[in-house]
């Protein structure tokens, strides 16, 4: 699974407001049975004040989304089927958000 691939969110409870998830785990760890993901939310579904460094704007095609870094979770790798996009071009903002979550910088 390539790093920063985006997948459809198949969870019926959250798919409307968080239509996608992004795989944040590096390819070097592909042999692990789980991977770390974060949801990509529609901007209008966010109920709290956004912290821009923690929740960067993400675009998939022409769709504006927001990375919910604070909602990262581990899921079984087999739950991710077919990538629909890759966010490598937005890698710096994504890594900055993860770094801010864990270090505050």
N, C-alpha and C. Protein backbone atom coordinates (compact mmCIF):
# COMPACT_ATOMS: atom_id res chain seq x y z
N UNK A 1 0.84 -1.18 0.00
CA UNK A 1 0.00 0.00 0.00
C UNK A 1 0.88 1.24 0.00
N UNK A 2 0.79 2.02 -1.03
CA UNK A 2 1.60 3.24 -1.06
C UNK A 2 1.22 4.23 0.03
N UNK A 3 2.24 4.85 0.56
CA UNK A 3 2.13 5.86 1.60
C UNK A 3 1.22 7.00 1.14
N UNK A 4 0.30 7.42 2.00
CA UNK A 4 -0.64 8.51 1.80
C UNK A 4 -1.71 8.23 0.75
N UNK A 5 -1.99 6.95 0.53
CA UNK A 5 -3.12 6.61 -0.33
C UNK A 5 -4.43 6.94 0.38
N UNK A 6 -5.43 7.30 -0.40
CA UNK A 6 -6.75 7.67 0.10
C UNK A 6 -7.75 6.58 -0.30
N UNK A 7 -8.64 6.26 0.64
CA UNK A 7 -9.64 5.21 0.43
C UNK A 7 -11.01 5.74 0.81
N UNK A 8 -12.04 5.16 0.21
CA UNK A 8 -13.41 5.47 0.63
C UNK A 8 -13.61 4.98 2.06
N UNK A 9 -14.36 5.74 2.82
CA UNK A 9 -14.75 5.34 4.16
C UNK A 9 -16.01 4.49 4.04
N UNK A 10 -15.92 3.23 4.39
CA UNK A 10 -17.06 2.31 4.25
C UNK A 10 -17.89 2.19 5.53
N UNK A 11 -17.58 3.00 6.53
CA UNK A 11 -18.35 2.99 7.78
C UNK A 11 -19.63 3.81 7.57
N UNK A 12 -20.76 3.14 7.54
CA UNK A 12 -22.04 3.80 7.25
C UNK A 12 -22.36 4.92 8.25
N UNK A 13 -21.86 4.81 9.47
CA UNK A 13 -22.16 5.83 10.48
C UNK A 13 -21.44 7.15 10.22
N UNK A 14 -20.28 7.10 9.58
CA UNK A 14 -19.47 8.31 9.44
C UNK A 14 -19.17 8.71 7.99
N UNK A 15 -19.53 7.89 7.03
CA UNK A 15 -19.12 8.11 5.64
C UNK A 15 -19.65 9.42 5.04
N UNK A 16 -20.79 9.88 5.47
CA UNK A 16 -21.32 11.12 4.90
C UNK A 16 -20.46 12.33 5.27
N UNK A 17 -20.07 12.43 6.53
CA UNK A 17 -19.28 13.57 6.98
C UNK A 17 -17.77 13.36 6.82
N UNK A 18 -17.37 12.11 6.74
CA UNK A 18 -15.95 11.76 6.58
C UNK A 18 -15.86 10.74 5.45
N UNK A 19 -15.97 11.22 4.21
CA UNK A 19 -16.10 10.30 3.07
C UNK A 19 -14.85 9.49 2.74
N UNK A 20 -13.70 9.93 3.24
CA UNK A 20 -12.43 9.26 2.91
C UNK A 20 -11.57 9.10 4.15
N UNK A 21 -10.62 8.17 4.04
CA UNK A 21 -9.56 8.03 5.03
C UNK A 21 -8.24 8.00 4.27
N UNK A 22 -7.18 8.46 4.93
CA UNK A 22 -5.85 8.43 4.34
C UNK A 22 -4.97 7.51 5.17
N UNK A 23 -4.22 6.65 4.50
CA UNK A 23 -3.29 5.74 5.16
C UNK A 23 -2.01 6.52 5.45
N UNK A 24 -1.69 6.67 6.73
CA UNK A 24 -0.55 7.48 7.17
C UNK A 24 0.71 6.65 7.45
N UNK A 25 0.60 5.35 7.40
CA UNK A 25 1.72 4.49 7.78
C UNK A 25 2.68 4.30 6.60
N UNK A 26 3.95 4.38 6.89
CA UNK A 26 4.97 4.27 5.85
C UNK A 26 5.00 2.87 5.23
N UNK A 27 5.33 2.83 3.94
CA UNK A 27 5.41 1.57 3.20
C UNK A 27 6.38 0.57 3.81
N UNK A 28 7.38 1.03 4.54
CA UNK A 28 8.35 0.12 5.15
C UNK A 28 7.68 -0.86 6.11
N UNK A 29 6.49 -0.52 6.59
CA UNK A 29 5.80 -1.35 7.57
C UNK A 29 4.60 -2.08 6.96
N UNK A 30 4.65 -2.32 5.65
CA UNK A 30 3.54 -3.00 4.97
C UNK A 30 3.28 -4.42 5.48
N UNK A 31 4.25 -5.03 6.10
CA UNK A 31 4.05 -6.40 6.59
C UNK A 31 3.27 -6.48 7.89
N UNK A 32 3.06 -5.35 8.54
CA UNK A 32 2.26 -5.34 9.76
C UNK A 32 0.79 -5.59 9.41
N UNK A 33 0.04 -6.23 10.29
CA UNK A 33 -1.36 -6.52 9.98
C UNK A 33 -2.29 -5.31 10.12
N UNK A 34 -1.79 -4.24 10.71
CA UNK A 34 -2.62 -3.04 10.87
C UNK A 34 -1.92 -1.85 10.25
N UNK A 35 -2.69 -0.79 10.07
CA UNK A 35 -2.13 0.46 9.55
C UNK A 35 -2.82 1.62 10.24
N UNK A 36 -2.20 2.78 10.21
CA UNK A 36 -2.75 3.98 10.84
C UNK A 36 -3.42 4.83 9.78
N UNK A 37 -4.65 5.21 10.04
CA UNK A 37 -5.41 6.06 9.13
C UNK A 37 -5.90 7.31 9.86
N UNK A 38 -6.28 8.30 9.08
CA UNK A 38 -6.97 9.48 9.62
C UNK A 38 -8.10 9.82 8.66
N UNK A 39 -9.23 10.26 9.19
CA UNK A 39 -10.34 10.61 8.32
C UNK A 39 -10.13 11.95 7.62
N UNK A 40 -10.75 12.06 6.45
CA UNK A 40 -10.82 13.31 5.71
C UNK A 40 -12.28 13.74 5.75
N UNK A 41 -12.54 14.88 6.36
CA UNK A 41 -13.90 15.34 6.61
C UNK A 41 -14.31 16.44 5.65
N UNK A 42 -15.61 16.55 5.43
CA UNK A 42 -16.12 17.69 4.69
C UNK A 42 -16.04 18.90 5.62
N UNK A 43 -15.65 20.06 5.11
CA UNK A 43 -15.48 21.24 5.98
C UNK A 43 -16.73 21.60 6.78
N UNK A 44 -17.92 21.43 6.20
CA UNK A 44 -19.15 21.82 6.90
C UNK A 44 -19.53 20.85 8.01
N UNK A 45 -18.88 19.69 8.09
CA UNK A 45 -19.22 18.72 9.13
C UNK A 45 -18.41 18.90 10.41
N UNK A 46 -17.44 19.78 10.39
CA UNK A 46 -16.58 19.96 11.55
C UNK A 46 -17.31 20.81 12.59
N UNK A 47 -17.48 20.24 13.77
CA UNK A 47 -18.28 20.88 14.81
C UNK A 47 -17.48 21.75 15.76
N UNK A 48 -16.18 21.69 15.69
CA UNK A 48 -15.33 22.44 16.61
C UNK A 48 -14.52 23.46 15.81
N UNK A 49 -13.93 24.38 16.52
CA UNK A 49 -13.06 25.36 15.87
C UNK A 49 -11.82 24.64 15.36
N UNK A 50 -11.51 24.83 14.11
CA UNK A 50 -10.36 24.17 13.50
C UNK A 50 -9.06 24.78 13.95
N UNK A 51 -8.09 23.93 14.19
CA UNK A 51 -6.71 24.36 14.40
C UNK A 51 -6.03 24.08 13.06
N UNK A 52 -5.73 25.12 12.31
CA UNK A 52 -5.28 24.95 10.94
C UNK A 52 -4.03 24.08 10.81
N UNK A 53 -3.12 24.19 11.72
CA UNK A 53 -1.90 23.37 11.63
C UNK A 53 -2.20 21.90 11.90
N UNK A 54 -3.18 21.63 12.74
CA UNK A 54 -3.57 20.26 13.06
C UNK A 54 -4.51 19.68 12.01
N UNK A 55 -5.32 20.54 11.43
CA UNK A 55 -6.36 20.13 10.49
C UNK A 55 -6.19 20.83 9.15
N UNK A 56 -5.15 20.46 8.39
CA UNK A 56 -4.91 21.15 7.11
C UNK A 56 -5.99 20.86 6.08
N UNK A 57 -6.15 21.81 5.18
CA UNK A 57 -7.04 21.63 4.04
C UNK A 57 -6.41 20.60 3.10
N UNK A 58 -7.24 19.72 2.59
CA UNK A 58 -6.82 18.69 1.64
C UNK A 58 -7.78 18.77 0.45
N UNK A 59 -7.26 18.56 -0.72
CA UNK A 59 -8.10 18.53 -1.92
C UNK A 59 -7.94 17.18 -2.60
N UNK A 60 -9.07 16.59 -2.93
CA UNK A 60 -9.08 15.39 -3.77
C UNK A 60 -9.93 15.75 -4.98
N UNK A 61 -9.26 15.79 -6.14
CA UNK A 61 -9.88 16.33 -7.35
C UNK A 61 -10.30 17.76 -7.03
N UNK A 62 -11.55 18.08 -7.11
CA UNK A 62 -12.00 19.44 -6.77
C UNK A 62 -12.76 19.49 -5.45
N UNK A 63 -12.67 18.43 -4.68
CA UNK A 63 -13.42 18.35 -3.42
C UNK A 63 -12.57 18.85 -2.26
N UNK A 64 -13.03 19.91 -1.57
CA UNK A 64 -12.30 20.37 -0.39
C UNK A 64 -12.61 19.48 0.81
N UNK A 65 -11.56 19.12 1.53
CA UNK A 65 -11.68 18.26 2.71
C UNK A 65 -10.75 18.78 3.79
N UNK A 66 -10.88 18.24 4.98
CA UNK A 66 -10.03 18.61 6.11
C UNK A 66 -9.50 17.33 6.74
N UNK A 67 -8.20 17.29 6.97
CA UNK A 67 -7.59 16.15 7.64
C UNK A 67 -7.84 16.25 9.14
N UNK A 68 -8.45 15.23 9.71
CA UNK A 68 -8.71 15.19 11.15
C UNK A 68 -7.61 14.37 11.82
N UNK A 69 -6.46 14.97 11.93
CA UNK A 69 -5.27 14.31 12.46
C UNK A 69 -5.53 13.73 13.85
N UNK A 70 -6.26 14.46 14.68
CA UNK A 70 -6.52 14.03 16.06
C UNK A 70 -7.39 12.77 16.13
N UNK A 71 -7.99 12.37 15.01
CA UNK A 71 -8.84 11.18 14.99
C UNK A 71 -8.14 9.97 14.37
N UNK A 72 -6.82 9.98 14.35
CA UNK A 72 -6.07 8.84 13.82
C UNK A 72 -6.47 7.57 14.57
N UNK A 73 -6.41 6.46 13.84
CA UNK A 73 -6.74 5.17 14.45
C UNK A 73 -6.02 4.06 13.70
N UNK A 74 -5.83 2.95 14.39
CA UNK A 74 -5.29 1.75 13.75
C UNK A 74 -6.45 0.90 13.29
N UNK A 75 -6.34 0.40 12.06
CA UNK A 75 -7.35 -0.51 11.54
C UNK A 75 -6.63 -1.69 10.88
N UNK A 76 -7.33 -2.80 10.70
CA UNK A 76 -6.71 -3.92 9.98
C UNK A 76 -6.40 -3.50 8.54
N UNK A 77 -5.24 -3.84 8.08
CA UNK A 77 -4.81 -3.47 6.74
C UNK A 77 -5.79 -3.97 5.67
N UNK A 78 -6.37 -5.16 5.89
CA UNK A 78 -7.26 -5.72 4.88
C UNK A 78 -8.54 -4.89 4.68
N UNK A 79 -8.83 -3.98 5.61
CA UNK A 79 -10.04 -3.15 5.49
C UNK A 79 -9.92 -2.10 4.38
N UNK A 80 -8.71 -1.82 3.96
CA UNK A 80 -8.49 -0.85 2.89
C UNK A 80 -8.38 -1.61 1.58
N UNK A 81 -9.25 -1.29 0.64
CA UNK A 81 -9.32 -2.07 -0.59
C UNK A 81 -8.63 -1.38 -1.77
N UNK A 82 -9.29 -0.40 -2.35
CA UNK A 82 -8.82 0.21 -3.59
C UNK A 82 -8.60 1.71 -3.38
N UNK A 83 -7.36 2.16 -3.52
CA UNK A 83 -7.10 3.60 -3.35
C UNK A 83 -7.76 4.40 -4.47
N UNK A 84 -8.24 5.59 -4.10
CA UNK A 84 -8.87 6.46 -5.10
C UNK A 84 -8.02 7.69 -5.39
N UNK A 85 -6.99 7.92 -4.57
CA UNK A 85 -6.10 9.07 -4.76
C UNK A 85 -4.86 8.85 -3.91
N UNK A 86 -3.88 9.72 -4.10
CA UNK A 86 -2.69 9.71 -3.27
C UNK A 86 -2.35 11.16 -2.92
N UNK A 87 -2.00 11.39 -1.65
CA UNK A 87 -1.75 12.74 -1.16
C UNK A 87 -0.26 13.06 -1.00
N UNK A 88 0.59 12.38 -1.72
CA UNK A 88 2.03 12.63 -1.61
C UNK A 88 2.38 14.09 -1.89
N UNK A 89 1.65 14.74 -2.77
CA UNK A 89 1.92 16.15 -3.08
C UNK A 89 1.63 17.05 -1.87
N UNK A 90 0.84 16.56 -0.90
CA UNK A 90 0.49 17.34 0.28
C UNK A 90 1.20 16.80 1.53
N UNK A 91 2.24 16.02 1.31
CA UNK A 91 2.97 15.34 2.37
C UNK A 91 3.47 16.28 3.46
N UNK A 92 4.04 17.41 3.09
CA UNK A 92 4.61 18.33 4.09
C UNK A 92 3.55 18.81 5.07
N UNK A 93 2.38 19.19 4.59
CA UNK A 93 1.31 19.66 5.48
C UNK A 93 0.80 18.53 6.38
N UNK A 94 0.72 17.32 5.83
CA UNK A 94 0.25 16.17 6.61
C UNK A 94 1.26 15.82 7.71
N UNK A 95 2.54 15.78 7.36
CA UNK A 95 3.56 15.49 8.37
C UNK A 95 3.63 16.59 9.42
N UNK A 96 3.45 17.83 9.02
CA UNK A 96 3.44 18.94 9.99
C UNK A 96 2.27 18.78 10.97
N UNK A 97 1.12 18.33 10.48
CA UNK A 97 -0.04 18.12 11.35
C UNK A 97 0.21 17.00 12.35
N UNK A 98 0.82 15.92 11.88
CA UNK A 98 1.14 14.80 12.78
C UNK A 98 2.16 15.24 13.82
N UNK A 99 3.17 15.96 13.38
CA UNK A 99 4.19 16.45 14.29
C UNK A 99 3.58 17.40 15.33
N UNK A 100 2.67 18.26 14.90
CA UNK A 100 2.01 19.19 15.83
C UNK A 100 1.18 18.41 16.86
N UNK A 101 0.51 17.35 16.43
CA UNK A 101 -0.30 16.55 17.33
C UNK A 101 0.55 15.94 18.44
N UNK A 102 1.72 15.43 18.09
CA UNK A 102 2.54 14.73 19.06
C UNK A 102 3.53 15.61 19.80
N UNK A 103 4.03 16.64 19.16
CA UNK A 103 5.07 17.46 19.80
C UNK A 103 4.61 18.87 20.17
N UNK A 104 3.53 19.32 19.56
CA UNK A 104 3.07 20.68 19.82
C UNK A 104 3.83 21.73 19.03
N UNK A 105 4.70 21.30 18.15
CA UNK A 105 5.50 22.23 17.32
C UNK A 105 5.09 22.14 15.88
